[in-house]
Amino acid sequence: MENNNQNFKFKTNINCGGCIANVKPHLDNADGIDKWEVDIADKEKILTVKSDGISEQEIIETVQKAGYKIEPLP
Protein backbone atom coordinates (compact mmCIF):
# COMPACT_ATOMS: atom_id res chain seq x y z
CA MET A 1 0.00 0.00 0.00
CA GLU A 2 1.32 3.40 -0.95
CA ASN A 3 2.00 5.86 1.84
CA ASN A 4 0.37 9.18 0.97
CA ASN A 5 1.10 10.78 4.30
CA GLN A 6 3.07 13.93 3.77
CA ASN A 7 3.25 17.35 5.35
CA PHE A 8 2.37 20.43 3.34
CA LYS A 9 3.24 23.94 4.51
CA PHE A 10 1.55 27.10 3.29
CA LYS A 11 1.81 30.81 3.84
CA THR A 12 -1.65 32.18 4.69
CA ASN A 13 -3.45 35.25 6.01
CA ILE A 14 -5.17 33.24 8.76
CA ASN A 15 -3.96 35.48 11.56
CA CYS A 16 -6.18 35.13 14.63
CA GLY A 17 -8.28 32.70 16.62
CA GLY A 18 -11.42 33.94 14.85
CA CYS A 19 -9.85 33.17 11.46
CA ILE A 20 -8.91 29.69 12.65
CA ALA A 21 -12.50 29.18 13.85
CA ASN A 22 -13.75 30.22 10.38
CA VAL A 23 -11.44 27.89 8.47
CA LYS A 24 -11.72 24.98 10.94
CA PRO A 25 -14.96 23.44 9.61
CA HIS A 26 -13.61 23.57 6.04
CA LEU A 27 -10.36 21.81 6.95
CA ASP A 28 -11.98 19.44 9.45
CA ASN A 29 -14.52 18.29 6.85
CA ALA A 30 -12.03 17.96 3.97
CA ASP A 31 -11.32 14.36 3.00
CA GLY A 32 -7.72 13.27 3.31
CA ILE A 33 -6.49 15.56 6.10
CA ASP A 34 -5.02 13.75 9.09
CA LYS A 35 -4.39 16.92 11.11
CA TRP A 36 -3.62 20.59 10.58
CA GLU A 37 -2.49 23.64 12.49
CA VAL A 38 -1.80 27.31 11.87
CA ASP A 39 1.15 29.02 13.53
CA ILE A 40 -0.34 32.49 14.02
CA ALA A 41 2.77 33.56 15.97
CA ASP A 42 4.82 33.27 12.76
CA LYS A 43 4.69 36.37 10.54
CA GLU A 44 3.96 34.12 7.54
CA LYS A 45 0.96 32.50 9.38
CA ILE A 46 2.16 29.03 8.42
CA LEU A 47 -0.52 26.41 7.90
CA THR A 48 0.85 22.88 8.27
CA VAL A 49 -1.33 20.06 6.98
CA LYS A 50 -0.55 16.41 7.58
CA SER A 51 -2.02 14.78 4.49
CA ASP A 52 -3.81 11.47 4.52
CA GLY A 53 -4.31 11.52 0.76
CA ILE A 54 -5.36 15.14 0.09
CA SER A 55 -3.35 17.02 -2.54
CA GLU A 56 -1.67 20.37 -2.12
CA GLN A 57 -4.07 21.88 -4.68
CA GLU A 58 -7.13 20.55 -2.80
CA ILE A 59 -5.88 22.15 0.42
CA ILE A 60 -5.39 25.47 -1.39
CA GLU A 61 -8.92 25.33 -2.81
CA THR A 62 -10.39 24.44 0.60
CA VAL A 63 -8.74 27.43 2.31
CA GLN A 64 -9.69 29.76 -0.56
CA LYS A 65 -13.33 28.60 -0.26
CA ALA A 66 -13.15 29.60 3.40
CA GLY A 67 -12.16 33.08 2.19
CA TYR A 68 -8.44 33.16 2.97
CA LYS A 69 -5.27 33.66 0.97
CA ILE A 70 -2.93 30.70 0.79
CA GLU A 71 0.21 29.89 -1.13
CA PRO A 72 2.51 26.88 -0.95
CA LEU A 73 5.89 27.34 0.67
CA PRO A 74 8.74 26.24 -1.58
PDB file of N, CA and C in Angstrom:
ATOM      1  N   MET A   1       0.843  -1.192   0.000  1.00  0.00           N
ATOM      2  CA  MET A   1       0.000   0.000   0.000  1.00  0.00           C
ATOM      3  C   MET A   1       0.883   1.249   0.000  1.00  0.00           C
ATOM      4  N   GLU A   2       0.519   2.188  -0.830  1.00  0.00           N
ATOM      5  CA  GLU A   2       1.321   3.404  -0.953  1.00  0.00           C
ATOM      6  C   GLU A   2       1.078   4.314   0.239  1.00  0.00           C
ATOM      7  N   ASN A   3       2.131   4.942   0.713  1.00  0.00           N
ATOM      8  CA  ASN A   3       2.002   5.858   1.843  1.00  0.00           C
ATOM      9  C   ASN A   3       1.839   7.273   1.311  1.00  0.00           C
ATOM     10  N   ASN A   4       0.640   7.832   1.458  1.00  0.00           N
ATOM     11  CA  ASN A   4       0.368   9.179   0.968  1.00  0.00           C
ATOM     12  C   ASN A   4       0.543  10.237   2.040  1.00  0.00           C
ATOM     13  N   ASN A   5       0.989   9.818   3.222  1.00  0.00           N
ATOM     14  CA  ASN A   5       1.099  10.785   4.302  1.00  0.00           C
ATOM     15  C   ASN A   5       2.294  11.695   4.071  1.00  0.00           C
ATOM     16  N   GLN A   6       1.997  12.967   3.872  1.00  0.00           N
ATOM     17  CA  GLN A   6       3.073  13.933   3.774  1.00  0.00           C
ATOM     18  C   GLN A   6       2.607  15.228   4.393  1.00  0.00           C
ATOM     19  N   ASN A   7       3.576  16.056   4.760  1.00  0.00           N
ATOM     20  CA  ASN A   7       3.246  17.345   5.348  1.00  0.00           C
ATOM     21  C   ASN A   7       3.365  18.432   4.290  1.00  0.00           C
ATOM     22  N   PHE A   8       2.346  19.264   4.213  1.00  0.00           N
ATOM     23  CA  PHE A   8       2.373  20.430   3.339  1.00  0.00           C
ATOM     24  C   PHE A   8       2.418  21.671   4.215  1.00  0.00           C
ATOM     25  N   LYS A   9       3.186  22.667   3.773  1.00  0.00           N
ATOM     26  CA  LYS A   9       3.239  23.937   4.506  1.00  0.00           C
ATOM     27  C   LYS A   9       2.846  25.065   3.558  1.00  0.00           C
ATOM     28  N   PHE A  10       2.059  25.984   4.081  1.00  0.00           N
ATOM     29  CA  PHE A  10       1.545  27.095   3.287  1.00  0.00           C
ATOM     30  C   PHE A  10       1.670  28.390   4.055  1.00  0.00           C
ATOM     31  N   LYS A  11       1.866  29.461   3.303  1.00  0.00           N
ATOM     32  CA  LYS A  11       1.806  30.809   3.843  1.00  0.00           C
ATOM     33  C   LYS A  11       0.353  31.260   3.692  1.00  0.00           C
ATOM     34  N   THR A  12      -0.244  31.790   4.754  1.00  0.00           N
ATOM     35  CA  THR A  12      -1.653  32.180   4.694  1.00  0.00           C
ATOM     36  C   THR A  12      -1.843  33.565   5.297  1.00  0.00           C
ATOM     37  N   ASN A  13      -3.101  34.040   5.261  1.00  0.00           N
ATOM     38  CA  ASN A  13      -3.446  35.247   6.015  1.00  0.00           C
ATOM     39  C   ASN A  13      -4.444  34.913   7.124  1.00  0.00           C
ATOM     40  N   ILE A  14      -4.363  33.680   7.614  1.00  0.00           N
ATOM     41  CA  ILE A  14      -5.166  33.242   8.762  1.00  0.00           C
ATOM     42  C   ILE A  14      -4.408  33.733  10.000  1.00  0.00           C
ATOM     43  N   ASN A  15      -4.856  34.850  10.595  1.00  0.00           N
ATOM     44  CA  ASN A  15      -3.961  35.484  11.564  1.00  0.00           C
ATOM     45  C   ASN A  15      -4.528  35.650  12.970  1.00  0.00           C
ATOM     46  N   CYS A  16      -5.663  35.015  13.271  1.00  0.00           N
ATOM     47  CA  CYS A  16      -6.183  35.132  14.632  1.00  0.00           C
ATOM     48  C   CYS A  16      -7.053  33.919  14.942  1.00  0.00           C
ATOM     49  N   GLY A  17      -7.433  33.814  16.207  1.00  0.00           N
ATOM     50  CA  GLY A  17      -8.281  32.701  16.621  1.00  0.00           C
ATOM     51  C   GLY A  17      -9.607  32.680  15.879  1.00  0.00           C
ATOM     52  N   GLY A  18     -10.156  33.858  15.598  1.00  0.00           N
ATOM     53  CA  GLY A  18     -11.416  33.936  14.851  1.00  0.00           C
ATOM     54  C   GLY A  18     -11.262  33.382  13.446  1.00  0.00           C
ATOM     55  N   CYS A  19     -10.124  33.694  12.810  1.00  0.00           N
ATOM     56  CA  CYS A  19      -9.852  33.172  11.462  1.00  0.00           C
ATOM     57  C   CYS A  19      -9.748  31.649  11.502  1.00  0.00           C
ATOM     58  N   ILE A  20      -9.052  31.144  12.515  1.00  0.00           N
ATOM     59  CA  ILE A  20      -8.907  29.693  12.647  1.00  0.00           C
ATOM     60  C   ILE A  20     -10.291  29.060  12.830  1.00  0.00           C
ATOM     61  N   ALA A  21     -11.147  29.698  13.638  1.00  0.00           N
ATOM     62  CA  ALA A  21     -12.499  29.176  13.847  1.00  0.00           C
ATOM     63  C   ALA A  21     -13.282  29.163  12.527  1.00  0.00           C
ATOM     64  N   ASN A  22     -13.060  30.169  11.668  1.00  0.00           N
ATOM     65  CA  ASN A  22     -13.755  30.224  10.377  1.00  0.00           C
ATOM     66  C   ASN A  22     -13.288  29.127   9.428  1.00  0.00           C
ATOM     67  N   VAL A  23     -11.994  28.855   9.425  1.00  0.00           N
ATOM     68  CA  VAL A  23     -11.440  27.893   8.470  1.00  0.00           C
ATOM     69  C   VAL A  23     -11.545  26.453   8.994  1.00  0.00           C
ATOM     70  N   LYS A  24     -11.705  26.312  10.310  1.00  0.00           N
ATOM     71  CA  LYS A  24     -11.717  24.984  10.942  1.00  0.00           C
ATOM     72  C   LYS A  24     -12.735  24.020  10.330  1.00  0.00           C
ATOM     73  N   PRO A  25     -14.021  24.424  10.168  1.00  0.00           N
ATOM     74  CA  PRO A  25     -14.959  23.439   9.605  1.00  0.00           C
ATOM     75  C   PRO A  25     -14.588  23.003   8.192  1.00  0.00           C
ATOM     76  N   HIS A  26     -14.005  23.908   7.409  1.00  0.00           N
ATOM     77  CA  HIS A  26     -13.606  23.568   6.040  1.00  0.00           C
ATOM     78  C   HIS A  26     -12.502  22.514   6.059  1.00  0.00           C
ATOM     79  N   LEU A  27     -11.478  22.741   6.892  1.00  0.00           N
ATOM     80  CA  LEU A  27     -10.356  21.807   6.949  1.00  0.00           C
ATOM     81  C   LEU A  27     -10.744  20.522   7.672  1.00  0.00           C
ATOM     82  N   ASP A  28     -11.575  20.637   8.715  1.00  0.00           N
ATOM     83  CA  ASP A  28     -11.982  19.436   9.454  1.00  0.00           C
ATOM     84  C   ASP A  28     -12.839  18.511   8.586  1.00  0.00           C
ATOM     85  N   ASN A  29     -13.617  19.102   7.675  1.00  0.00           N
ATOM     86  CA  ASN A  29     -14.516  18.293   6.845  1.00  0.00           C
ATOM     87  C   ASN A  29     -13.890  17.865   5.527  1.00  0.00           C
ATOM     88  N   ALA A  30     -12.683  18.334   5.233  1.00  0.00           N
ATOM     89  CA  ALA A  30     -12.028  17.963   3.975  1.00  0.00           C
ATOM     90  C   ALA A  30     -11.543  16.518   4.070  1.00  0.00           C
ATOM     91  N   ASP A  31     -11.799  15.745   3.017  1.00  0.00           N
ATOM     92  CA  ASP A  31     -11.318  14.364   2.995  1.00  0.00           C
ATOM     93  C   ASP A  31      -9.811  14.352   2.821  1.00  0.00           C
ATOM     94  N   GLY A  32      -9.140  13.472   3.544  1.00  0.00           N
ATOM     95  CA  GLY A  32      -7.718  13.271   3.313  1.00  0.00           C
ATOM     96  C   GLY A  32      -6.800  14.135   4.155  1.00  0.00           C
ATOM     97  N   ILE A  33      -7.354  14.818   5.171  1.00  0.00           N
ATOM     98  CA  ILE A  33      -6.490  15.563   6.096  1.00  0.00           C
ATOM     99  C   ILE A  33      -6.432  14.792   7.404  1.00  0.00           C
ATOM    100  N   ASP A  34      -5.213  14.452   7.830  1.00  0.00           N
ATOM    101  CA  ASP A  34      -5.017  13.754   9.094  1.00  0.00           C
ATOM    102  C   ASP A  34      -5.100  14.765  10.229  1.00  0.00           C
ATOM    103  N   LYS A  35      -4.274  15.822  10.157  1.00  0.00           N
ATOM    104  CA  LYS A  35      -4.387  16.921  11.111  1.00  0.00           C
ATOM    105  C   LYS A  35      -3.786  18.178  10.510  1.00  0.00           C
ATOM    106  N   TRP A  36      -4.112  19.313  11.101  1.00  0.00           N
ATOM    107  CA  TRP A  36      -3.624  20.588  10.577  1.00  0.00           C
ATOM    108  C   TRP A  36      -3.475  21.568  11.725  1.00  0.00           C
ATOM    109  N   GLU A  37      -2.627  22.565  11.499  1.00  0.00           N
ATOM    110  CA  GLU A  37      -2.486  23.637  12.485  1.00  0.00           C
ATOM    111  C   GLU A  37      -1.962  24.887  11.802  1.00  0.00           C
ATOM    112  N   VAL A  38      -2.289  26.032  12.383  1.00  0.00           N
ATOM    113  CA  VAL A  38      -1.796  27.312  11.874  1.00  0.00           C
ATOM    114  C   VAL A  38      -0.940  27.930  12.961  1.00  0.00           C
ATOM    115  N   ASP A  39       0.273  28.334  12.584  1.00  0.00           N
ATOM    116  CA  ASP A  39       1.154  29.023  13.529  1.00  0.00           C
ATOM    117  C   ASP A  39       0.921  30.521  13.376  1.00  0.00           C
ATOM    118  N   ILE A  40      -0.018  31.067  14.164  1.00  0.00           N
ATOM    119  CA  ILE A  40      -0.339  32.493  14.018  1.00  0.00           C
ATOM    120  C   ILE A  40       0.735  33.374  14.655  1.00  0.00           C
ATOM    121  N   ALA A  41       1.664  32.782  15.410  1.00  0.00           N
ATOM    122  CA  ALA A  41       2.769  33.561  15.973  1.00  0.00           C
ATOM    123  C   ALA A  41       3.813  33.878  14.896  1.00  0.00           C
ATOM    124  N   ASP A  42       3.874  33.070  13.851  1.00  0.00           N
ATOM    125  CA  ASP A  42       4.824  33.272  12.760  1.00  0.00           C
ATOM    126  C   ASP A  42       4.296  34.367  11.838  1.00  0.00           C
ATOM    127  N   LYS A  43       5.171  35.276  11.386  1.00  0.00           N
ATOM    128  CA  LYS A  43       4.687  36.372  10.536  1.00  0.00           C
ATOM    129  C   LYS A  43       4.100  35.871   9.217  1.00  0.00           C
ATOM    130  N   GLU A  44       4.496  34.685   8.783  1.00  0.00           N
ATOM    131  CA  GLU A  44       3.956  34.118   7.536  1.00  0.00           C
ATOM    132  C   GLU A  44       2.641  33.365   7.761  1.00  0.00           C
ATOM    133  N   LYS A  45       2.215  33.216   9.035  1.00  0.00           N
ATOM    134  CA  LYS A  45       0.965  32.499   9.376  1.00  0.00           C
ATOM    135  C   LYS A  45       0.955  31.121   8.722  1.00  0.00           C
ATOM    136  N   ILE A  46       1.934  30.308   9.095  1.00  0.00           N
ATOM    137  CA  ILE A  46       2.158  29.031   8.420  1.00  0.00           C
ATOM    138  C   ILE A  46       1.081  28.012   8.783  1.00  0.00           C
ATOM    139  N   LEU A  47       0.415  27.515   7.760  1.00  0.00           N
ATOM    140  CA  LEU A  47      -0.523  26.409   7.903  1.00  0.00           C
ATOM    141  C   LEU A  47       0.234  25.134   7.570  1.00  0.00           C
ATOM    142  N   THR A  48       0.249  24.188   8.507  1.00  0.00           N
ATOM    143  CA  THR A  48       0.850  22.880   8.269  1.00  0.00           C
ATOM    144  C   THR A  48      -0.277  21.853   8.215  1.00  0.00           C
ATOM    145  N   VAL A  49      -0.306  21.089   7.138  1.00  0.00           N
ATOM    146  CA  VAL A  49      -1.329  20.063   6.978  1.00  0.00           C
ATOM    147  C   VAL A  49      -0.642  18.711   6.851  1.00  0.00           C
ATOM    148  N   LYS A  50      -1.032  17.778   7.712  1.00  0.00           N
ATOM    149  CA  LYS A  50      -0.554  16.407   7.582  1.00  0.00           C
ATOM    150  C   LYS A  50      -1.560  15.687   6.691  1.00  0.00           C
ATOM    151  N   SER A  51      -1.131  15.364   5.491  1.00  0.00           N
ATOM    152  CA  SER A  51      -2.022  14.776   4.494  1.00  0.00           C
ATOM    153  C   SER A  51      -2.241  13.301   4.753  1.00  0.00           C
ATOM    154  N   ASP A  52      -3.485  12.895   4.540  1.00  0.00           N
ATOM    155  CA  ASP A  52      -3.814  11.473   4.520  1.00  0.00           C
ATOM    156  C   ASP A  52      -4.454  11.195   3.163  1.00  0.00           C
ATOM    157  N   GLY A  53      -3.820  11.743   2.117  1.00  0.00           N
ATOM    158  CA  GLY A  53      -4.310  11.522   0.761  1.00  0.00           C
ATOM    159  C   GLY A  53      -4.715  12.798   0.026  1.00  0.00           C
ATOM    160  N   ILE A  54      -4.961  13.899   0.757  1.00  0.00           N
ATOM    161  CA  ILE A  54      -5.364  15.144   0.093  1.00  0.00           C
ATOM    162  C   ILE A  54      -4.166  15.741  -0.642  1.00  0.00           C
ATOM    163  N   SER A  55      -4.436  16.401  -1.768  1.00  0.00           N
ATOM    164  CA  SER A  55      -3.349  17.020  -2.538  1.00  0.00           C
ATOM    165  C   SER A  55      -3.147  18.465  -2.103  1.00  0.00           C
ATOM    166  N   GLU A  56      -1.979  18.980  -2.434  1.00  0.00           N
ATOM    167  CA  GLU A  56      -1.666  20.372  -2.122  1.00  0.00           C
ATOM    168  C   GLU A  56      -2.716  21.301  -2.739  1.00  0.00           C
ATOM    169  N   GLN A  57      -3.093  21.034  -3.986  1.00  0.00           N
ATOM    170  CA  GLN A  57      -4.072  21.878  -4.676  1.00  0.00           C
ATOM    171  C   GLN A  57      -5.432  21.835  -3.980  1.00  0.00           C
ATOM    172  N   GLU A  58      -5.832  20.673  -3.501  1.00  0.00           N
ATOM    173  CA  GLU A  58      -7.129  20.552  -2.803  1.00  0.00           C
ATOM    174  C   GLU A  58      -7.119  21.344  -1.491  1.00  0.00           C
ATOM    175  N   ILE A  59      -5.991  21.363  -0.813  1.00  0.00           N
ATOM    176  CA  ILE A  59      -5.880  22.149   0.419  1.00  0.00           C
ATOM    177  C   ILE A  59      -6.011  23.633   0.084  1.00  0.00           C
ATOM    178  N   ILE A  60      -5.325  24.068  -0.967  1.00  0.00           N
ATOM    179  CA  ILE A  60      -5.391  25.473  -1.387  1.00  0.00           C
ATOM    180  C   ILE A  60      -6.838  25.863  -1.697  1.00  0.00           C
ATOM    181  N   GLU A  61      -7.536  25.017  -2.448  1.00  0.00           N
ATOM    182  CA  GLU A  61      -8.923  25.326  -2.810  1.00  0.00           C
ATOM    183  C   GLU A  61      -9.820  25.368  -1.577  1.00  0.00           C
ATOM    184  N   THR A  62      -9.582  24.475  -0.623  1.00  0.00           N
ATOM    185  CA  THR A  62     -10.385  24.439   0.601  1.00  0.00           C
ATOM    186  C   THR A  62     -10.230  25.737   1.388  1.00  0.00           C
ATOM    187  N   VAL A  63      -8.987  26.199   1.540  1.00  0.00           N
ATOM    188  CA  VAL A  63      -8.736  27.425   2.309  1.00  0.00           C
ATOM    189  C   VAL A  63      -9.277  28.641   1.555  1.00  0.00           C
ATOM    190  N   GLN A  64      -9.149  28.649   0.227  1.00  0.00           N
ATOM    191  CA  GLN A  64      -9.689  29.757  -0.561  1.00  0.00           C
ATOM    192  C   GLN A  64     -11.216  29.810  -0.451  1.00  0.00           C
ATOM    193  N   LYS A  65     -11.862  28.646  -0.435  1.00  0.00           N
ATOM    194  CA  LYS A  65     -13.326  28.599  -0.264  1.00  0.00           C
ATOM    195  C   LYS A  65     -13.731  29.201   1.073  1.00  0.00           C
ATOM    196  N   ALA A  66     -12.874  29.041   2.073  1.00  0.00           N
ATOM    197  CA  ALA A  66     -13.154  29.604   3.398  1.00  0.00           C
ATOM    198  C   ALA A  66     -12.920  31.113   3.400  1.00  0.00           C
ATOM    199  N   GLY A  67     -12.330  31.641   2.320  1.00  0.00           N
ATOM    200  CA  GLY A  67     -12.158  33.083   2.185  1.00  0.00           C
ATOM    201  C   GLY A  67     -10.785  33.612   2.564  1.00  0.00           C
ATOM    202  N   TYR A  68      -9.790  32.737   2.580  1.00  0.00           N
ATOM    203  CA  TYR A  68      -8.437  33.160   2.971  1.00  0.00           C
ATOM    204  C   TYR A  68      -7.447  32.992   1.848  1.00  0.00           C
ATOM    205  N   LYS A  69      -6.367  33.789   1.947  1.00  0.00           N
ATOM    206  CA  LYS A  69      -5.270  33.661   0.972  1.00  0.00           C
ATOM    207  C   LYS A  69      -4.361  32.542   1.439  1.00  0.00           C
ATOM    208  N   ILE A  70      -3.827  31.815   0.464  1.00  0.00           N
ATOM    209  CA  ILE A  70      -2.934  30.704   0.787  1.00  0.00           C
ATOM    210  C   ILE A  70      -1.982  30.501  -0.379  1.00  0.00           C
ATOM    211  N   GLU A  71      -0.727  30.264  -0.078  1.00  0.00           N
ATOM    212  CA  GLU A  71       0.209  29.894  -1.127  1.00  0.00           C
ATOM    213  C   GLU A  71       1.200  28.877  -0.584  1.00  0.00           C
ATOM    214  N   PRO A  72       1.584  27.909  -1.425  1.00  0.00           N
ATOM    215  CA  PRO A  72       2.507  26.875  -0.946  1.00  0.00           C
ATOM    216  C   PRO A  72       3.870  27.469  -0.631  1.00  0.00           C
ATOM    217  N   LEU A  73       4.503  26.956   0.373  1.00  0.00           N
ATOM    218  CA  LEU A  73       5.886  27.344   0.672  1.00  0.00           C
ATOM    219  C   LEU A  73       6.793  26.463  -0.181  1.00  0.00           C
ATOM    220  N   PRO A  74       7.843  27.036  -0.734  1.00  0.00           N
ATOM    221  CA  PRO A  74       8.744  26.238  -1.581  1.00  0.00           C
ATOM    222  C   PRO A  74       9.464  25.160  -0.770  1.00  0.00           C
TER     223      PRO A  74
END
